[in-house]
Amino acid sequence: MEAYEACLNATSTHHAPWYVVPADDKENARLIVSQIVLDTFKELKMAYPKVTEQRRRELKAIRKRL
């Protein structure tokens, strides 16, 4: 246990963290992993790209051709 703790403490960073998730409790493990993924997505602050009116018309024309 001490070796694992030392390894995780030495290699886990804010940019690339390690997470210890219990493997013997699948329901809680899945909840923990889901929360980690959700929190990570929220930190990314992603947004759809802004589209100009001209580009919107171009995309409509492309869609018609398809």
C-alpha atoms as a PDB file:
ATOM      1  CA  MET A   1       0.000   0.000   0.000  1.00  0.00           C
ATOM      2  CA  GLU A   2       2.821   2.404   0.822  1.00  0.00           C
ATOM      3  CA  ALA A   3       4.489   1.723  -2.529  1.00  0.00           C
ATOM      4  CA  TYR A   4       1.260   2.441  -4.409  1.00  0.00           C
ATOM      5  CA  GLU A   5       0.707   5.609  -2.403  1.00  0.00           C
ATOM      6  CA  ALA A   6       4.268   6.771  -3.075  1.00  0.00           C
ATOM      7  CA  CYS A   7       3.897   6.030  -6.790  1.00  0.00           C
ATOM      8  CA  LEU A   8       0.605   7.905  -7.080  1.00  0.00           C
ATOM      9  CA  ASN A   9       1.883  10.876  -5.088  1.00  0.00           C
ATOM     10  CA  ALA A  10       5.004  11.070  -7.246  1.00  0.00           C
ATOM     11  CA  THR A  11       3.244  10.841 -10.609  1.00  0.00           C
ATOM     12  CA  SER A  12      -0.171  12.442 -10.169  1.00  0.00           C
ATOM     13  CA  THR A  13      -0.364  16.085 -11.253  1.00  0.00           C
ATOM     14  CA  HIS A  14      -3.153  18.618 -11.686  1.00  0.00           C
ATOM     15  CA  HIS A  15      -2.759  18.273 -15.453  1.00  0.00           C
ATOM     16  CA  ALA A  16      -2.754  14.439 -15.364  1.00  0.00           C
ATOM     17  CA  PRO A  17      -4.255  13.200 -12.102  1.00  0.00           C
ATOM     18  CA  TRP A  18      -4.596   9.622 -10.926  1.00  0.00           C
ATOM     19  CA  TYR A  19      -7.854   8.465  -9.346  1.00  0.00           C
ATOM     20  CA  VAL A  20      -8.271   5.510  -7.023  1.00  0.00           C
ATOM     21  CA  VAL A  21     -11.618   3.869  -7.773  1.00  0.00           C
ATOM     22  CA  PRO A  22     -12.884   0.819  -5.895  1.00  0.00           C
ATOM     23  CA  ALA A  23     -13.067  -2.207  -8.186  1.00  0.00           C
ATOM     24  CA  ASP A  24     -15.119  -4.378  -5.850  1.00  0.00           C
ATOM     25  CA  ASP A  25     -18.199  -2.122  -5.940  1.00  0.00           C
ATOM     26  CA  LYS A  26     -19.188  -1.660  -9.589  1.00  0.00           C
ATOM     27  CA  GLU A  27     -22.146   0.629  -8.922  1.00  0.00           C
ATOM     28  CA  ASN A  28     -20.117   3.134  -6.909  1.00  0.00           C
ATOM     29  CA  ALA A  29     -17.101   2.755  -9.200  1.00  0.00           C
ATOM     30  CA  ARG A  30     -19.250   3.757 -12.178  1.00  0.00           C
ATOM     31  CA  LEU A  31     -20.694   6.702 -10.250  1.00  0.00           C
ATOM     32  CA  ILE A  32     -17.211   7.892  -9.282  1.00  0.00           C
ATOM     33  CA  VAL A  33     -15.886   7.597 -12.827  1.00  0.00           C
ATOM     34  CA  SER A  34     -18.983   9.351 -14.219  1.00  0.00           C
ATOM     35  CA  GLN A  35     -18.487  12.231 -11.796  1.00  0.00           C
ATOM     36  CA  ILE A  36     -14.811  12.546 -12.732  1.00  0.00           C
ATOM     37  CA  VAL A  37     -15.687  12.667 -16.450  1.00  0.00           C
ATOM     38  CA  LEU A  38     -18.468  15.208 -15.852  1.00  0.00           C
ATOM     39  CA  ASP A  39     -16.205  17.447 -13.749  1.00  0.00           C
ATOM     40  CA  THR A  40     -13.472  17.255 -16.394  1.00  0.00           C
ATOM     41  CA  PHE A  41     -15.889  18.261 -19.163  1.00  0.00           C
ATOM     42  CA  LYS A  42     -17.122  21.215 -17.091  1.00  0.00           C
ATOM     43  CA  GLU A  43     -13.523  22.421 -16.598  1.00  0.00           C
ATOM     44  CA  LEU A  44     -12.996  22.467 -20.370  1.00  0.00           C
ATOM     45  CA  LYS A  45     -15.610  25.240 -20.791  1.00  0.00           C
ATOM     46  CA  MET A  46     -16.390  24.135 -24.323  1.00  0.00           C
ATOM     47  CA  ALA A  47     -18.832  25.974 -26.561  1.00  0.00           C
ATOM     48  CA  TYR A  48     -20.149  25.611 -30.061  1.00  0.00           C
ATOM     49  CA  PRO A  49     -18.273  27.772 -32.569  1.00  0.00           C
ATOM     50  CA  LYS A  50     -19.911  31.029 -33.587  1.00  0.00           C
ATOM     51  CA  VAL A  51     -21.155  30.938 -37.168  1.00  0.00           C
ATOM     52  CA  THR A  52     -21.528  34.041 -39.293  1.00  0.00           C
ATOM     53  CA  GLU A  53     -24.669  34.549 -41.332  1.00  0.00           C
ATOM     54  CA  GLN A  54     -22.676  34.127 -44.565  1.00  0.00           C
ATOM     55  CA  ARG A  55     -21.279  30.785 -43.387  1.00  0.00           C
ATOM     56  CA  ARG A  56     -24.767  29.679 -42.313  1.00  0.00           C
ATOM     57  CA  ARG A  57     -26.024  30.311 -45.862  1.00  0.00           C
ATOM     58  CA  GLU A  58     -23.064  28.371 -47.292  1.00  0.00           C
ATOM     59  CA  LEU A  59     -23.844  25.426 -45.021  1.00  0.00           C
ATOM     60  CA  LYS A  60     -27.520  25.479 -46.062  1.00  0.00           C
ATOM     61  CA  ALA A  61     -26.469  25.379 -49.715  1.00  0.00           C
ATOM     62  CA  ILE A  62     -24.138  22.459 -49.025  1.00  0.00           C
ATOM     63  CA  ARG A  63     -26.916  20.623 -47.183  1.00  0.00           C
ATOM     64  CA  LYS A  64     -29.245  21.036 -50.191  1.00  0.00           C
ATOM     65  CA  ARG A  65     -26.629  19.486 -52.488  1.00  0.00           C
ATOM     66  CA  LEU A  66     -26.314  16.489 -50.215  1.00  0.00           C
END
